[in-house]
Amino acid sequence: MIMTVKGFFSISNAADALHVTQPTLSRQIKELEDELDTILFHRGRREIQLTDDGQYLYNRAIEILALVEKTENNIRKTDSIAGDIYIGAAESPSLDIVFRAIRTLTEQYPDIRVHIRSGNADDILEHLNKGVYDLGITIGSYDIKKYNHLALDNRDHWGALVPKGHPLTLIEKPNLTDALAYPLITSAQTSTEPSALAGLGDYRIVATYNLLYNASLLVKAGVEIALCLGNIIDTSYPDSDLTFVPFAENNHDTLQILWKKQNTSSPSTKQFLKIMRE
């Protein structure tokens, strides 16, 4: 109900879609609000909008429906390996080994579908904990006591995405401390727990990003430099306004596949992990 009302922005249109009368739908919404002891919608003259509590309920409903659909698909066929695998993954060129494994998996088992969702570690672990993702691929060290994990070879290199001609490009072997002299655009998770920047003196974070593409636009706009992994944003073409400056330190972070210890993985997920271990 709440999903339909949000989609149509009005009680009357939502009632038509649900094949009920407008008074009936209004009564059902009021009963739900009374049951939850909160207001779910702001009611305007021409349209209605979700309140913060309504948006929270809507988001949880989306997650629950996705989880139900995934569960049904994974158990519908018991005589063959089939179903959906949901993977939350950080941005990393080193994931090529994962994508080759997905190719092998889908060639061997045509009824398996793999869904990749990009995000930072905070997003990935949240959805992994809720069961929305079967697997999470993260960069960096985290408390993994409640996860099984499989380490991957990480060939990524940290550095700074900067405008062409930036002073960092003139340093022969720049390091992270050199970058701290400039306003920084960092990963959102780094801004929450800036362990990589701890003990390095004063620095200024002017913006954060979830995925690097928008951060690259900030750099182009002159907001300053973005701390990131190399080879995600292509700066090799002649007309590129940006360049990636790798730091001299050997600073490869941990890259790993995580899945919950308490969960029983689906046959398709187990087969994927088997291929990854081969």
Protein backbone atom coordinates (compact mmCIF):
# COMPACT_ATOMS: atom_id res chain seq x y z
CA MET A 1 0.00 0.00 0.00
CA ILE A 2 2.59 2.56 1.07
CA MET A 3 4.67 1.79 -2.03
CA THR A 4 1.71 2.38 -4.35
CA VAL A 5 0.73 5.64 -2.68
CA LYS A 6 4.31 6.92 -2.90
CA GLY A 7 4.46 6.01 -6.58
CA PHE A 8 1.28 7.89 -7.49
CA PHE A 9 1.68 10.88 -5.13
CA SER A 10 -2.06 10.97 -4.46
CA ILE A 11 -4.66 8.94 -2.59
CA SER A 12 -7.11 8.93 -5.50
CA ASN A 13 -4.62 7.67 -8.10
CA ALA A 14 -3.26 5.06 -5.71
CA ALA A 15 -6.79 3.90 -4.89
CA ASP A 16 -7.50 3.43 -8.60
CA ALA A 17 -4.31 1.38 -8.99
CA LEU A 18 -5.21 -0.79 -5.99
CA HIS A 19 -8.84 -1.16 -7.14
CA VAL A 20 -10.28 0.21 -3.91
CA THR A 21 -12.22 3.36 -3.15
CA GLN A 22 -10.46 6.49 -1.97
CA PRO A 23 -12.19 6.43 1.47
CA THR A 24 -11.17 2.79 1.93
CA LEU A 25 -7.53 3.53 1.19
CA SER A 26 -7.57 6.62 3.42
CA ARG A 27 -8.99 4.51 6.25
CA GLN A 28 -6.33 1.83 5.76
CA ILE A 29 -3.57 4.45 5.89
CA LYS A 30 -5.06 5.95 9.06
CA GLU A 31 -5.30 2.51 10.67
CA LEU A 32 -1.65 1.82 9.83
CA GLU A 33 -0.58 5.19 11.23
CA ASP A 34 -2.56 4.51 14.42
CA GLU A 35 -1.01 1.06 14.74
CA LEU A 36 2.51 2.45 14.32
CA ASP A 37 1.73 5.58 16.36
CA THR A 38 3.24 7.88 13.75
CA ILE A 39 2.37 9.97 10.70
CA LEU A 40 3.46 8.38 7.42
CA PHE A 41 2.35 11.04 4.92
CA HIS A 42 2.32 14.81 4.63
CA ARG A 43 -1.05 15.52 3.01
CA GLY A 44 -1.06 18.50 0.66
CA ARG A 45 -3.78 19.95 -1.54
CA ARG A 46 -2.61 18.27 -4.72
CA GLU A 47 -0.28 15.51 -3.59
CA ILE A 48 0.99 13.66 -0.56
CA GLN A 49 4.59 12.98 0.42
CA LEU A 50 6.23 10.59 2.83
CA THR A 51 7.33 11.81 6.23
CA ASP A 52 10.71 10.68 7.57
CA ASP A 53 9.02 7.73 9.29
CA GLY A 54 7.10 6.99 6.11
CA GLN A 55 10.30 7.01 4.07
CA TYR A 56 11.93 4.68 6.60
CA LEU A 57 9.00 2.26 6.34
CA TYR A 58 9.10 2.50 2.54
CA ASN A 59 12.84 1.71 2.45
CA ARG A 60 12.41 -1.29 4.75
CA ALA A 61 9.51 -2.53 2.61
CA ILE A 62 11.72 -2.39 -0.49
CA GLU A 63 14.41 -4.42 1.28
CA ILE A 64 11.91 -6.98 2.58
CA LEU A 65 10.32 -7.48 -0.83
CA ALA A 66 13.74 -7.86 -2.45
CA LEU A 67 14.71 -10.42 0.18
CA VAL A 68 11.46 -12.36 -0.31
CA GLU A 69 11.90 -12.37 -4.10
CA LYS A 70 15.51 -13.51 -3.80
CA THR A 71 14.57 -16.30 -1.39
CA GLU A 72 11.74 -17.53 -3.60
CA ASN A 73 13.96 -17.55 -6.68
CA ASN A 74 16.73 -19.43 -4.88
CA ILE A 75 14.50 -22.23 -3.55
CA ARG A 76 12.08 -22.53 -6.48
CA LYS A 77 14.33 -24.95 -8.38
CA THR A 78 15.73 -27.65 -6.12
CA ASP A 79 16.83 -30.04 -8.86
CA SER A 80 19.45 -27.72 -10.36
CA ILE A 81 21.73 -24.87 -9.38
CA ALA A 82 19.80 -21.71 -10.20
CA GLY A 83 18.66 -18.44 -8.72
CA ASP A 84 20.02 -14.99 -7.98
CA ILE A 85 23.24 -13.88 -6.30
CA TYR A 86 23.39 -10.34 -4.97
CA ILE A 87 26.89 -8.93 -4.52
CA GLY A 88 27.73 -5.54 -3.06
CA ALA A 89 31.16 -4.49 -4.31
CA ALA A 90 33.60 -1.67 -3.79
CA GLU A 91 35.07 0.01 -6.84
CA SER A 92 38.35 -1.72 -7.65
CA PRO A 93 40.17 -2.74 -10.84
CA SER A 94 41.34 -5.83 -8.93
CA LEU A 95 37.81 -7.23 -9.13
CA ASP A 96 38.57 -8.57 -12.60
CA ILE A 97 39.17 -12.00 -11.01
CA VAL A 98 35.65 -11.84 -9.55
CA PHE A 99 34.12 -10.95 -12.90
CA ARG A 100 35.96 -13.81 -14.62
CA ALA A 101 34.54 -16.17 -11.99
CA ILE A 102 31.06 -14.80 -12.70
CA ARG A 103 31.57 -15.49 -16.40
CA THR A 104 32.57 -19.09 -15.63
CA LEU A 105 29.63 -19.50 -13.25
CA THR A 106 27.00 -18.22 -15.68
CA GLU A 107 28.45 -20.28 -18.53
CA GLN A 108 28.22 -23.45 -16.44
CA TYR A 109 24.84 -22.60 -14.90
CA PRO A 110 22.70 -20.54 -17.31
CA ASP A 111 19.85 -20.24 -14.79
CA ILE A 112 21.97 -18.23 -12.35
CA ARG A 113 21.74 -14.44 -12.43
CA VAL A 114 24.30 -12.25 -10.68
CA HIS A 115 23.40 -8.74 -9.53
CA ILE A 116 26.28 -6.34 -8.80
CA ARG A 117 25.61 -3.30 -6.62
CA SER A 118 28.39 -0.74 -6.18
CA GLY A 119 28.96 1.04 -2.88
CA ASN A 120 31.39 1.81 -0.11
CA ALA A 121 32.06 -0.56 2.77
CA ASP A 122 29.46 1.03 5.06
CA ASP A 123 26.69 0.50 2.49
CA ILE A 124 27.86 -3.00 1.64
CA LEU A 125 28.09 -4.25 5.23
CA GLU A 126 24.68 -2.77 6.10
CA HIS A 127 22.98 -4.65 3.26
CA LEU A 128 25.01 -7.79 3.96
CA ASN A 129 23.91 -7.77 7.60
CA LYS A 130 20.26 -7.37 6.56
CA GLY A 131 20.45 -10.27 4.13
CA VAL A 132 19.87 -8.12 1.06
CA TYR A 133 23.32 -9.06 -0.27
CA ASP A 134 24.63 -12.62 -0.35
CA LEU A 135 28.23 -11.45 -0.59
CA GLY A 136 30.12 -8.25 0.04
CA ILE A 137 33.45 -7.25 -1.45
CA THR A 138 35.23 -4.58 0.58
CA ILE A 139 38.53 -2.75 0.61
CA GLY A 140 40.18 -2.11 3.97
CA SER A 141 40.35 -3.78 7.37
CA TYR A 142 37.11 -4.28 9.28
CA ASP A 143 35.92 -6.34 12.23
CA ILE A 144 35.17 -9.59 10.44
CA LYS A 145 34.35 -11.82 13.44
CA LYS A 146 30.79 -12.35 12.22
CA TYR A 147 31.80 -12.96 8.60
CA ASN A 148 33.44 -15.70 6.63
CA HIS A 149 35.96 -14.17 4.28
CA LEU A 150 38.06 -14.94 1.25
CA ALA A 151 41.10 -12.74 0.61
CA LEU A 152 41.71 -11.52 -2.93
CA ASP A 153 44.89 -10.33 -4.58
CA ASN A 154 44.80 -6.53 -4.41
CA ARG A 155 46.84 -4.79 -7.11
CA ASP A 156 45.25 -1.38 -6.58
CA HIS A 157 47.33 1.64 -5.71
CA TRP A 158 46.20 4.62 -3.65
CA GLY A 159 46.83 8.12 -4.84
CA ALA A 160 45.13 11.38 -5.72
CA LEU A 161 42.96 12.34 -8.67
CA VAL A 162 44.00 15.88 -9.57
CA PRO A 163 43.58 18.42 -12.38
CA LYS A 164 46.28 18.28 -15.02
CA GLY A 165 49.16 20.56 -14.09
CA HIS A 166 48.43 20.35 -10.36
CA PRO A 167 51.50 20.89 -8.13
CA LEU A 168 51.36 17.25 -6.96
CA THR A 169 52.22 16.14 -10.49
CA LEU A 170 55.56 17.96 -10.20
CA ILE A 171 56.73 15.92 -7.18
CA GLU A 172 58.88 12.96 -8.23
CA LYS A 173 57.66 10.57 -5.53
CA PRO A 174 54.64 12.13 -3.83
CA ASN A 175 53.13 10.62 -0.72
CA LEU A 176 49.94 11.06 1.26
CA THR A 177 51.39 13.80 3.45
CA ASP A 178 52.09 15.86 0.32
CA ALA A 179 48.40 15.61 -0.61
CA LEU A 180 47.30 16.83 2.82
CA ALA A 181 48.47 20.32 1.92
CA TYR A 182 45.39 20.66 -0.30
CA PRO A 183 41.62 20.51 0.38
CA LEU A 184 40.57 16.87 0.13
CA ILE A 185 37.68 14.96 -1.39
CA THR A 186 37.57 11.59 0.38
CA SER A 187 35.50 8.44 0.48
CA ALA A 188 32.50 8.85 2.77
CA GLN A 189 33.67 5.97 4.94
CA THR A 190 37.10 7.60 5.30
CA SER A 191 35.49 10.78 6.57
CA THR A 192 33.64 8.78 9.22
CA GLU A 193 36.71 6.89 10.46
CA PRO A 194 39.77 8.55 8.88
CA SER A 195 42.24 5.87 10.03
CA ALA A 196 44.35 6.34 6.91
CA LEU A 197 44.81 9.99 7.85
CA ALA A 198 45.33 9.48 11.58
CA GLY A 199 48.51 11.01 12.97
CA LEU A 200 49.40 12.80 9.75
CA GLY A 201 48.83 16.33 11.02
CA ASP A 202 46.29 18.89 9.90
CA TYR A 203 44.14 18.28 6.86
CA ARG A 204 40.86 19.61 5.50
CA ILE A 205 38.08 17.50 3.99
CA VAL A 206 35.83 19.68 1.84
CA ALA A 207 33.67 16.95 0.30
CA THR A 208 33.03 13.21 0.42
CA TYR A 209 31.89 10.72 -2.19
CA ASN A 210 30.26 7.33 -2.36
CA LEU A 211 31.32 6.41 -5.90
CA LEU A 212 34.28 7.98 -7.64
CA TYR A 213 32.67 9.28 -10.83
CA ASN A 214 30.94 12.18 -9.10
CA ALA A 215 34.13 12.89 -7.17
CA SER A 216 35.95 13.21 -10.49
CA LEU A 217 33.43 15.86 -11.53
CA LEU A 218 34.16 17.73 -8.31
CA VAL A 219 37.86 17.67 -9.19
CA LYS A 220 37.07 18.95 -12.68
CA ALA A 221 35.02 21.75 -11.13
CA GLY A 222 38.03 22.88 -9.13
CA VAL A 223 36.89 21.70 -5.70
CA GLU A 224 40.44 20.28 -5.30
CA ILE A 225 41.84 16.73 -5.19
CA ALA A 226 40.26 13.33 -4.52
CA LEU A 227 41.97 10.56 -2.56
CA CYS A 228 41.13 7.34 -4.37
CA LEU A 229 42.33 4.20 -6.11
CA GLY A 230 43.94 4.41 -9.52
CA ASN A 231 42.60 3.00 -12.79
CA ILE A 232 38.95 3.56 -11.92
CA ILE A 233 38.61 6.90 -13.69
CA ASP A 234 40.21 6.80 -17.14
CA THR A 235 42.67 9.69 -17.41
CA SER A 236 44.71 8.25 -20.27
CA TYR A 237 42.96 9.88 -23.23
CA PRO A 238 44.65 13.02 -24.65
CA ASP A 239 41.86 15.47 -23.84
CA SER A 240 41.46 14.37 -20.21
CA ASP A 241 41.34 17.24 -17.73
CA LEU A 242 42.50 14.95 -14.93
CA THR A 243 45.47 12.84 -13.99
CA PHE A 244 46.05 10.24 -11.28
CA VAL A 245 49.08 10.70 -9.04
CA PRO A 246 50.05 7.42 -7.30
CA PHE A 247 51.56 7.70 -3.86
CA ALA A 248 55.08 6.35 -3.40
CA GLU A 249 54.15 4.25 -0.36
CA ASN A 250 53.33 0.57 -0.83
CA ASN A 251 49.80 1.07 0.40
CA HIS A 252 47.67 -1.79 -0.86
CA ASP A 253 44.60 -2.31 1.36
CA THR A 254 42.94 -5.62 2.15
CA LEU A 255 40.49 -6.76 -0.55
CA GLN A 256 38.14 -9.53 0.50
CA ILE A 257 34.84 -11.28 -0.11
CA LEU A 258 32.63 -11.44 2.99
CA TRP A 259 29.53 -13.46 3.82
CA LYS A 260 27.66 -13.95 7.09
CA LYS A 261 28.67 -16.91 9.24
CA GLN A 262 25.15 -17.53 10.52
CA ASN A 263 23.60 -17.70 7.06
CA THR A 264 23.25 -20.82 4.96
CA SER A 265 24.39 -19.77 1.50
CA SER A 266 22.29 -20.70 -1.51
CA PRO A 267 23.62 -23.42 -3.86
CA SER A 268 24.40 -20.78 -6.48
CA THR A 269 26.42 -18.71 -3.98
CA LYS A 270 28.28 -21.81 -2.81
CA GLN A 271 29.15 -22.67 -6.39
CA PHE A 272 30.44 -19.15 -7.01
CA LEU A 273 32.69 -19.34 -3.94
CA LYS A 274 33.93 -22.74 -5.08
CA ILE A 275 34.97 -21.25 -8.43
CA MET A 276 36.66 -18.34 -6.63
CA ARG A 277 38.77 -20.77 -4.59
CA GLU A 278 39.92 -22.79 -7.60
